[in-house]
Amino acid sequence: MKISQPQITNVNAMEVLDEGLKALRQGDFIVDLSGVERIDSSAIAIALKWKQEAQKLGGDLKFIHASENLKKLSDLYNVSSLLMSPSKH
């Protein structure tokens, strides 16, 4: 799924969360973040919820084209190992 929003913040968090959950339930387990220019900590909460849902559905969620900001936030919240996949996309 390619995230259609240019930002993931508390303003649009529920919309982005729902968009991702719908894609996951359709079997899409790759999150393309290439169009996302701005994030806040709500993006971490959304990503963790997506990861949890993917596991329930038997899928392995991968994030590609993650910004440095997302990587820094995931480090800050000590969830990098849960969110960042080692593959280079």
PDB file of N, CA and C in Angstrom:
ATOM      1  N   MET A   1       0.828  -1.167   0.000  1.00  0.00           N
ATOM      2  CA  MET A   1       0.000   0.000   0.000  1.00  0.00           C
ATOM      3  C   MET A   1       0.876   1.235   0.000  1.00  0.00           C
ATOM      4  N   LYS A   2       0.588   2.142  -0.851  1.00  0.00           N
ATOM      5  CA  LYS A   2       1.292   3.419  -0.867  1.00  0.00           C
ATOM      6  C   LYS A   2       0.452   4.393  -0.054  1.00  0.00           C
ATOM      7  N   ILE A   3       1.056   4.976   0.944  1.00  0.00           N
ATOM      8  CA  ILE A   3       0.343   5.926   1.779  1.00  0.00           C
ATOM      9  C   ILE A   3       0.050   7.164   0.944  1.00  0.00           C
ATOM     10  N   SER A   4      -1.221   7.519   0.863  1.00  0.00           N
ATOM     11  CA  SER A   4      -1.632   8.610  -0.010  1.00  0.00           C
ATOM     12  C   SER A   4      -1.511   9.985   0.636  1.00  0.00           C
ATOM     13  N   GLN A   5      -1.286  10.022   1.923  1.00  0.00           N
ATOM     14  CA  GLN A   5      -1.193  11.286   2.642  1.00  0.00           C
ATOM     15  C   GLN A   5       0.249  11.800   2.654  1.00  0.00           C
ATOM     16  N   PRO A   6       0.464  13.109   2.467  1.00  0.00           N
ATOM     17  CA  PRO A   6       1.828  13.646   2.531  1.00  0.00           C
ATOM     18  C   PRO A   6       2.352  13.767   3.958  1.00  0.00           C
ATOM     19  N   GLN A   7       1.459  13.599   4.918  1.00  0.00           N
ATOM     20  CA  GLN A   7       1.882  13.639   6.312  1.00  0.00           C
ATOM     21  C   GLN A   7       1.068  12.654   7.130  1.00  0.00           C
ATOM     22  N   ILE A   8       1.691  12.182   8.199  1.00  0.00           N
ATOM     23  CA  ILE A   8       1.004  11.338   9.173  1.00  0.00           C
ATOM     24  C   ILE A   8       1.193  12.017  10.521  1.00  0.00           C
ATOM     25  N   THR A   9       0.131  12.669  10.977  1.00  0.00           N
ATOM     26  CA  THR A   9       0.177  13.394  12.247  1.00  0.00           C
ATOM     27  C   THR A   9      -1.112  13.114  13.007  1.00  0.00           C
ATOM     28  N   ASN A  10      -1.208  13.681  14.185  1.00  0.00           N
ATOM     29  CA  ASN A  10      -2.418  13.481  14.982  1.00  0.00           C
ATOM     30  C   ASN A  10      -3.659  14.018  14.279  1.00  0.00           C
ATOM     31  N   VAL A  11      -3.496  14.917  13.328  1.00  0.00           N
ATOM     32  CA  VAL A  11      -4.629  15.495  12.599  1.00  0.00           C
ATOM     33  C   VAL A  11      -5.321  14.452  11.725  1.00  0.00           C
ATOM     34  N   ASN A  12      -4.544  13.587  11.080  1.00  0.00           N
ATOM     35  CA  ASN A  12      -5.133  12.611  10.160  1.00  0.00           C
ATOM     36  C   ASN A  12      -4.833  11.162  10.555  1.00  0.00           C
ATOM     37  N   ALA A  13      -4.441  10.954  11.788  1.00  0.00           N
ATOM     38  CA  ALA A  13      -4.010   9.623  12.229  1.00  0.00           C
ATOM     39  C   ALA A  13      -5.076   8.556  12.023  1.00  0.00           C
ATOM     40  N   MET A  14      -6.313   8.838  12.379  1.00  0.00           N
ATOM     41  CA  MET A  14      -7.360   7.819  12.254  1.00  0.00           C
ATOM     42  C   MET A  14      -7.622   7.467  10.788  1.00  0.00           C
ATOM     43  N   GLU A  15      -7.592   8.448   9.928  1.00  0.00           N
ATOM     44  CA  GLU A  15      -7.801   8.212   8.498  1.00  0.00           C
ATOM     45  C   GLU A  15      -6.698   7.316   7.922  1.00  0.00           C
ATOM     46  N   VAL A  16      -5.453   7.634   8.283  1.00  0.00           N
ATOM     47  CA  VAL A  16      -4.316   6.841   7.809  1.00  0.00           C
ATOM     48  C   VAL A  16      -4.369   5.433   8.394  1.00  0.00           C
ATOM     49  N   LEU A  17      -4.696   5.325   9.669  1.00  0.00           N
ATOM     50  CA  LEU A  17      -4.811   4.015  10.313  1.00  0.00           C
ATOM     51  C   LEU A  17      -5.834   3.158   9.591  1.00  0.00           C
ATOM     52  N   ASP A  18      -7.009   3.714   9.349  1.00  0.00           N
ATOM     53  CA  ASP A  18      -8.076   2.965   8.677  1.00  0.00           C
ATOM     54  C   ASP A  18      -7.696   2.564   7.255  1.00  0.00           C
ATOM     55  N   GLU A  19      -7.025   3.471   6.534  1.00  0.00           N
ATOM     56  CA  GLU A  19      -6.562   3.179   5.171  1.00  0.00           C
ATOM     57  C   GLU A  19      -5.633   1.966   5.178  1.00  0.00           C
ATOM     58  N   GLY A  20      -4.709   1.954   6.128  1.00  0.00           N
ATOM     59  CA  GLY A  20      -3.761   0.846   6.226  1.00  0.00           C
ATOM     60  C   GLY A  20      -4.408  -0.457   6.652  1.00  0.00           C
ATOM     61  N   LEU A  21      -5.325  -0.396   7.609  1.00  0.00           N
ATOM     62  CA  LEU A  21      -6.011  -1.620   8.054  1.00  0.00           C
ATOM     63  C   LEU A  21      -6.801  -2.246   6.918  1.00  0.00           C
ATOM     64  N   LYS A  22      -7.436  -1.411   6.116  1.00  0.00           N
ATOM     65  CA  LYS A  22      -8.196  -1.921   4.962  1.00  0.00           C
ATOM     66  C   LYS A  22      -7.257  -2.640   3.985  1.00  0.00           C
ATOM     67  N   ALA A  23      -6.112  -2.029   3.701  1.00  0.00           N
ATOM     68  CA  ALA A  23      -5.141  -2.644   2.785  1.00  0.00           C
ATOM     69  C   ALA A  23      -4.616  -3.961   3.343  1.00  0.00           C
ATOM     70  N   LEU A  24      -4.330  -3.982   4.636  1.00  0.00           N
ATOM     71  CA  LEU A  24      -3.839  -5.216   5.262  1.00  0.00           C
ATOM     72  C   LEU A  24      -4.858  -6.340   5.123  1.00  0.00           C
ATOM     73  N   ARG A  25      -6.099  -6.015   5.347  1.00  0.00           N
ATOM     74  CA  ARG A  25      -7.159  -7.033   5.264  1.00  0.00           C
ATOM     75  C   ARG A  25      -7.367  -7.524   3.840  1.00  0.00           C
ATOM     76  N   GLN A  26      -6.857  -6.758   2.873  1.00  0.00           N
ATOM     77  CA  GLN A  26      -6.895  -7.188   1.473  1.00  0.00           C
ATOM     78  C   GLN A  26      -5.614  -7.908   1.070  1.00  0.00           C
ATOM     79  N   GLY A  27      -4.712  -8.110   2.049  1.00  0.00           N
ATOM     80  CA  GLY A  27      -3.501  -8.881   1.794  1.00  0.00           C
ATOM     81  C   GLY A  27      -2.285  -8.077   1.394  1.00  0.00           C
ATOM     82  N   ASP A  28      -2.337  -6.764   1.493  1.00  0.00           N
ATOM     83  CA  ASP A  28      -1.203  -5.911   1.129  1.00  0.00           C
ATOM     84  C   ASP A  28      -0.362  -5.648   2.374  1.00  0.00           C
ATOM     85  N   PHE A  29       0.822  -6.256   2.445  1.00  0.00           N
ATOM     86  CA  PHE A  29       1.669  -6.185   3.627  1.00  0.00           C
ATOM     87  C   PHE A  29       2.942  -5.367   3.412  1.00  0.00           C
ATOM     88  N   ILE A  30       2.986  -4.554   2.367  1.00  0.00           N
ATOM     89  CA  ILE A  30       4.126  -3.676   2.127  1.00  0.00           C
ATOM     90  C   ILE A  30       3.631  -2.235   2.181  1.00  0.00           C
ATOM     91  N   VAL A  31       4.206  -1.464   3.084  1.00  0.00           N
ATOM     92  CA  VAL A  31       3.819  -0.065   3.260  1.00  0.00           C
ATOM     93  C   VAL A  31       4.870   0.822   2.606  1.00  0.00           C
ATOM     94  N   ASP A  32       4.471   1.509   1.551  1.00  0.00           N
ATOM     95  CA  ASP A  32       5.363   2.415   0.829  1.00  0.00           C
ATOM     96  C   ASP A  32       5.172   3.825   1.392  1.00  0.00           C
ATOM     97  N   LEU A  33       6.210   4.318   2.032  1.00  0.00           N
ATOM     98  CA  LEU A  33       6.158   5.629   2.675  1.00  0.00           C
ATOM     99  C   LEU A  33       6.840   6.715   1.849  1.00  0.00           C
ATOM    100  N   SER A  34       7.084   6.464   0.584  1.00  0.00           N
ATOM    101  CA  SER A  34       7.848   7.400  -0.240  1.00  0.00           C
ATOM    102  C   SER A  34       7.176   8.757  -0.394  1.00  0.00           C
ATOM    103  N   GLY A  35       5.867   8.826  -0.304  1.00  0.00           N
ATOM    104  CA  GLY A  35       5.170  10.102  -0.459  1.00  0.00           C
ATOM    105  C   GLY A  35       4.944  10.855   0.833  1.00  0.00           C
ATOM    106  N   VAL A  36       5.361  10.272   1.941  1.00  0.00           N
ATOM    107  CA  VAL A  36       5.130  10.899   3.245  1.00  0.00           C
ATOM    108  C   VAL A  36       6.291  11.841   3.558  1.00  0.00           C
ATOM    109  N   GLU A  37       5.979  13.109   3.709  1.00  0.00           N
ATOM    110  CA  GLU A  37       7.004  14.124   3.944  1.00  0.00           C
ATOM    111  C   GLU A  37       7.118  14.530   5.409  1.00  0.00           C
ATOM    112  N   ARG A  38       6.046  14.364   6.171  1.00  0.00           N
ATOM    113  CA  ARG A  38       6.062  14.828   7.559  1.00  0.00           C
ATOM    114  C   ARG A  38       5.344  13.806   8.430  1.00  0.00           C
ATOM    115  N   ILE A  39       5.933  13.538   9.597  1.00  0.00           N
ATOM    116  CA  ILE A  39       5.304  12.624  10.553  1.00  0.00           C
ATOM    117  C   ILE A  39       5.477  13.159  11.960  1.00  0.00           C
ATOM    118  N   ASP A  40       4.658  12.643  12.851  1.00  0.00           N
ATOM    119  CA  ASP A  40       4.883  12.871  14.268  1.00  0.00           C
ATOM    120  C   ASP A  40       4.760  11.520  14.965  1.00  0.00           C
ATOM    121  N   SER A  41       4.745  11.534  16.276  1.00  0.00           N
ATOM    122  CA  SER A  41       4.750  10.266  17.022  1.00  0.00           C
ATOM    123  C   SER A  41       3.516   9.413  16.768  1.00  0.00           C
ATOM    124  N   SER A  42       2.439   9.997  16.259  1.00  0.00           N
ATOM    125  CA  SER A  42       1.264   9.183  15.955  1.00  0.00           C
ATOM    126  C   SER A  42       1.575   8.164  14.856  1.00  0.00           C
ATOM    127  N   ALA A  43       2.544   8.459  14.000  1.00  0.00           N
ATOM    128  CA  ALA A  43       2.941   7.509  12.953  1.00  0.00           C
ATOM    129  C   ALA A  43       3.506   6.226  13.564  1.00  0.00           C
ATOM    130  N   ILE A  44       4.189   6.356  14.675  1.00  0.00           N
ATOM    131  CA  ILE A  44       4.730   5.172  15.359  1.00  0.00           C
ATOM    132  C   ILE A  44       3.592   4.312  15.880  1.00  0.00           C
ATOM    133  N   ALA A  45       2.611   4.943  16.510  1.00  0.00           N
ATOM    134  CA  ALA A  45       1.462   4.199  17.033  1.00  0.00           C
ATOM    135  C   ALA A  45       0.709   3.501  15.909  1.00  0.00           C
ATOM    136  N   ILE A  46       0.540   4.175  14.794  1.00  0.00           N
ATOM    137  CA  ILE A  46      -0.147   3.593  13.635  1.00  0.00           C
ATOM    138  C   ILE A  46       0.649   2.396  13.108  1.00  0.00           C
ATOM    139  N   ALA A  47       1.937   2.573  12.947  1.00  0.00           N
ATOM    140  CA  ALA A  47       2.787   1.497  12.428  1.00  0.00           C
ATOM    141  C   ALA A  47       2.738   0.271  13.332  1.00  0.00           C
ATOM    142  N   LEU A  48       2.742   0.485  14.632  1.00  0.00           N
ATOM    143  CA  LEU A  48       2.666  -0.646  15.566  1.00  0.00           C
ATOM    144  C   LEU A  48       1.320  -1.347  15.471  1.00  0.00           C
ATOM    145  N   LYS A  49       0.258  -0.590  15.309  1.00  0.00           N
ATOM    146  CA  LYS A  49      -1.074  -1.187  15.157  1.00  0.00           C
ATOM    147  C   LYS A  49      -1.149  -1.996  13.860  1.00  0.00           C
ATOM    148  N   TRP A  50      -0.593  -1.435  12.787  1.00  0.00           N
ATOM    149  CA  TRP A  50      -0.562  -2.176  11.524  1.00  0.00           C
ATOM    150  C   TRP A  50       0.232  -3.460  11.661  1.00  0.00           C
ATOM    151  N   LYS A  51       1.368  -3.382  12.335  1.00  0.00           N
ATOM    152  CA  LYS A  51       2.221  -4.567  12.529  1.00  0.00           C
ATOM    153  C   LYS A  51       1.452  -5.643  13.295  1.00  0.00           C
ATOM    154  N   GLN A  52       0.754  -5.223  14.340  1.00  0.00           N
ATOM    155  CA  GLN A  52      -0.051  -6.151  15.139  1.00  0.00           C
ATOM    156  C   GLN A  52      -1.143  -6.799  14.285  1.00  0.00           C
ATOM    157  N   GLU A  53      -1.825  -6.007  13.491  1.00  0.00           N
ATOM    158  CA  GLU A  53      -2.896  -6.530  12.638  1.00  0.00           C
ATOM    159  C   GLU A  53      -2.329  -7.491  11.587  1.00  0.00           C
ATOM    160  N   ALA A  54      -1.195  -7.143  11.002  1.00  0.00           N
ATOM    161  CA  ALA A  54      -0.566  -8.011  10.003  1.00  0.00           C
ATOM    162  C   ALA A  54      -0.241  -9.371  10.603  1.00  0.00           C
ATOM    163  N   GLN A  55       0.278  -9.370  11.827  1.00  0.00           N
ATOM    164  CA  GLN A  55       0.596 -10.639  12.491  1.00  0.00           C
ATOM    165  C   GLN A  55      -0.662 -11.465  12.733  1.00  0.00           C
ATOM    166  N   LYS A  56      -1.743 -10.816  13.124  1.00  0.00           N
ATOM    167  CA  LYS A  56      -3.014 -11.529  13.315  1.00  0.00           C
ATOM    168  C   LYS A  56      -3.480 -12.172  12.022  1.00  0.00           C
ATOM    169  N   LEU A  57      -3.205 -11.486  10.914  1.00  0.00           N
ATOM    170  CA  LEU A  57      -3.627 -11.977   9.605  1.00  0.00           C
ATOM    171  C   LEU A  57      -2.627 -12.953   8.994  1.00  0.00           C
ATOM    172  N   GLY A  58      -1.519 -13.199   9.697  1.00  0.00           N
ATOM    173  CA  GLY A  58      -0.518 -14.144   9.218  1.00  0.00           C
ATOM    174  C   GLY A  58       0.466 -13.555   8.228  1.00  0.00           C
ATOM    175  N   GLY A  59       0.536 -12.236   8.159  1.00  0.00           N
ATOM    176  CA  GLY A  59       1.441 -11.581   7.220  1.00  0.00           C
ATOM    177  C   GLY A  59       2.643 -10.978   7.909  1.00  0.00           C
ATOM    178  N   ASP A  60       3.637 -10.642   7.108  1.00  0.00           N
ATOM    179  CA  ASP A  60       4.857 -10.009   7.605  1.00  0.00           C
ATOM    180  C   ASP A  60       4.912  -8.605   7.024  1.00  0.00           C
ATOM    181  N   LEU A  61       4.570  -7.612   7.818  1.00  0.00           N
ATOM    182  CA  LEU A  61       4.504  -6.235   7.360  1.00  0.00           C
ATOM    183  C   LEU A  61       5.898  -5.671   7.140  1.00  0.00           C
ATOM    184  N   LYS A  62       6.088  -5.016   6.007  1.00  0.00           N
ATOM    185  CA  LYS A  62       7.361  -4.382   5.666  1.00  0.00           C
ATOM    186  C   LYS A  62       7.094  -2.919   5.350  1.00  0.00           C
ATOM    187  N   PHE A  63       7.990  -2.054   5.822  1.00  0.00           N
ATOM    188  CA  PHE A  63       7.945  -0.628   5.519  1.00  0.00           C
ATOM    189  C   PHE A  63       9.068  -0.325   4.553  1.00  0.00           C
ATOM    190  N   ILE A  64       8.738   0.324   3.447  1.00  0.00           N
ATOM    191  CA  ILE A  64       9.766   0.696   2.485  1.00  0.00           C
ATOM    192  C   ILE A  64       9.756   2.214   2.300  1.00  0.00           C
ATOM    193  N   HIS A  65      10.903   2.734   1.947  1.00  0.00           N
ATOM    194  CA  HIS A  65      11.086   4.169   1.720  1.00  0.00           C
ATOM    195  C   HIS A  65      10.746   4.991   2.956  1.00  0.00           C
ATOM    196  N   ALA A  66      11.102   4.479   4.120  1.00  0.00           N
ATOM    197  CA  ALA A  66      10.862   5.210   5.366  1.00  0.00           C
ATOM    198  C   ALA A  66      11.823   6.391   5.466  1.00  0.00           C
ATOM    199  N   SER A  67      11.296   7.500   5.937  1.00  0.00           N
ATOM    200  CA  SER A  67      12.115   8.706   6.086  1.00  0.00           C
ATOM    201  C   SER A  67      13.076   8.557   7.264  1.00  0.00           C
ATOM    202  N   GLU A  68      14.093   9.381   7.262  1.00  0.00           N
ATOM    203  CA  GLU A  68      15.025   9.401   8.389  1.00  0.00           C
ATOM    204  C   GLU A  68      14.291   9.788   9.673  1.00  0.00           C
ATOM    205  N   ASN A  69      13.299  10.660   9.548  1.00  0.00           N
ATOM    206  CA  ASN A  69      12.530  11.082  10.712  1.00  0.00           C
ATOM    207  C   ASN A  69      11.805   9.893  11.349  1.00  0.00           C
ATOM    208  N   LEU A  70      11.213   9.036  10.533  1.00  0.00           N
ATOM    209  CA  LEU A  70      10.538   7.853  11.069  1.00  0.00           C
ATOM    210  C   LEU A  70      11.548   6.923  11.736  1.00  0.00           C
ATOM    211  N   LYS A  71      12.690   6.765  11.120  1.00  0.00           N
ATOM    212  CA  LYS A  71      13.733   5.921  11.708  1.00  0.00           C
ATOM    213  C   LYS A  71      14.195   6.474  13.051  1.00  0.00           C
ATOM    214  N   LYS A  72      14.357   7.797  13.124  1.00  0.00           N
ATOM    215  CA  LYS A  72      14.779   8.422  14.378  1.00  0.00           C
ATOM    216  C   LYS A  72      13.710   8.273  15.455  1.00  0.00           C
ATOM    217  N   LEU A  73      12.451   8.470  15.077  1.00  0.00           N
ATOM    218  CA  LEU A  73      11.371   8.306  16.053  1.00  0.00           C
ATOM    219  C   LEU A  73      11.271   6.868  16.536  1.00  0.00           C
ATOM    220  N   SER A  74      11.428   5.923  15.633  1.00  0.00           N
ATOM    221  CA  SER A  74      11.348   4.518  16.053  1.00  0.00           C
ATOM    222  C   SER A  74      12.515   4.162  16.974  1.00  0.00           C
ATOM    223  N   ASP A  75      13.666   4.775  16.745  1.00  0.00           N
ATOM    224  CA  ASP A  75      14.798   4.595  17.668  1.00  0.00           C
ATOM    225  C   ASP A  75      14.478   5.217  19.031  1.00  0.00           C
ATOM    226  N   LEU A  76      13.929   6.423  18.995  1.00  0.00           N
ATOM    227  CA  LEU A  76      13.590   7.141  20.221  1.00  0.00           C
ATOM    228  C   LEU A  76      12.620   6.340  21.092  1.00  0.00           C
ATOM    229  N   TYR A  77      11.637   5.726  20.454  1.00  0.00           N
ATOM    230  CA  TYR A  77      10.643   4.935  21.182  1.00  0.00           C
ATOM    231  C   TYR A  77      11.051   3.473  21.350  1.00  0.00           C
ATOM    232  N   ASN A  78      12.267   3.167  20.925  1.00  0.00           N
ATOM    233  CA  ASN A  78      12.836   1.821  21.086  1.00  0.00           C
ATOM    234  C   ASN A  78      11.988   0.729  20.421  1.00  0.00           C
ATOM    235  N   VAL A  79      11.503   1.035  19.213  1.00  0.00           N
ATOM    236  CA  VAL A  79      10.704   0.054  18.473  1.00  0.00           C
ATOM    237  C   VAL A  79      11.275  -0.211  17.074  1.00  0.00           C
ATOM    238  N   SER A  80      12.502   0.209  16.852  1.00  0.00           N
ATOM    239  CA  SER A  80      13.121   0.022  15.530  1.00  0.00           C
ATOM    240  C   SER A  80      13.127  -1.432  15.095  1.00  0.00           C
ATOM    241  N   SER A  81      13.446  -2.317  16.024  1.00  0.00           N
ATOM    242  CA  SER A  81      13.517  -3.734  15.655  1.00  0.00           C
ATOM    243  C   SER A  81      12.147  -4.279  15.268  1.00  0.00           C
ATOM    244  N   LEU A  82      11.091  -3.666  15.751  1.00  0.00           N
ATOM    245  CA  LEU A  82       9.739  -4.107  15.395  1.00  0.00           C
ATOM    246  C   LEU A  82       9.278  -3.544  14.063  1.00  0.00           C
ATOM    247  N   LEU A  83       9.728  -2.344  13.728  1.00  0.00           N
ATOM    248  CA  LEU A  83       9.199  -1.658  12.551  1.00  0.00           C
ATOM    249  C   LEU A  83      10.091  -1.688  11.326  1.00  0.00           C
ATOM    250  N   MET A  84      11.354  -1.494  11.514  1.00  0.00           N
ATOM    251  CA  MET A  84      12.246  -1.341  10.361  1.00  0.00           C
ATOM    252  C   MET A  84      12.730  -2.695   9.868  1.00  0.00           C
ATOM    253  N   SER A  85      12.413  -2.993   8.632  1.00  0.00           N
ATOM    254  CA  SER A  85      12.856  -4.266   8.057  1.00  0.00           C
ATOM    255  C   SER A  85      14.267  -4.111   7.541  1.00  0.00           C
ATOM    256  N   PRO A  86      15.061  -5.175   7.631  1.00  0.00           N
ATOM    257  CA  PRO A  86      16.452  -5.095   7.207  1.00  0.00           C
ATOM    258  C   PRO A  86      16.627  -5.005   5.696  1.00  0.00           C
ATOM    259  N   SER A  87      15.591  -5.345   4.933  1.00  0.00           N
ATOM    260  CA  SER A  87      15.745  -5.332   3.478  1.00  0.00           C
ATOM    261  C   SER A  87      15.865  -3.905   2.965  1.00  0.00           C
ATOM    262  N   LYS A  88      16.557  -3.740   1.849  1.00  0.00           N
ATOM    263  CA  LYS A  88      16.769  -2.413   1.268  1.00  0.00           C
ATOM    264  C   LYS A  88      15.831  -2.227   0.091  1.00  0.00           C
ATOM    265  N   HIS A  89      14.833  -1.377   0.290  1.00  0.00           N
ATOM    266  CA  HIS A  89      13.861  -1.093  -0.779  1.00  0.00           C
ATOM    267  C   HIS A  89      13.932   0.365  -1.103  1.00  0.00           C
TER     268      HIS A  89
END
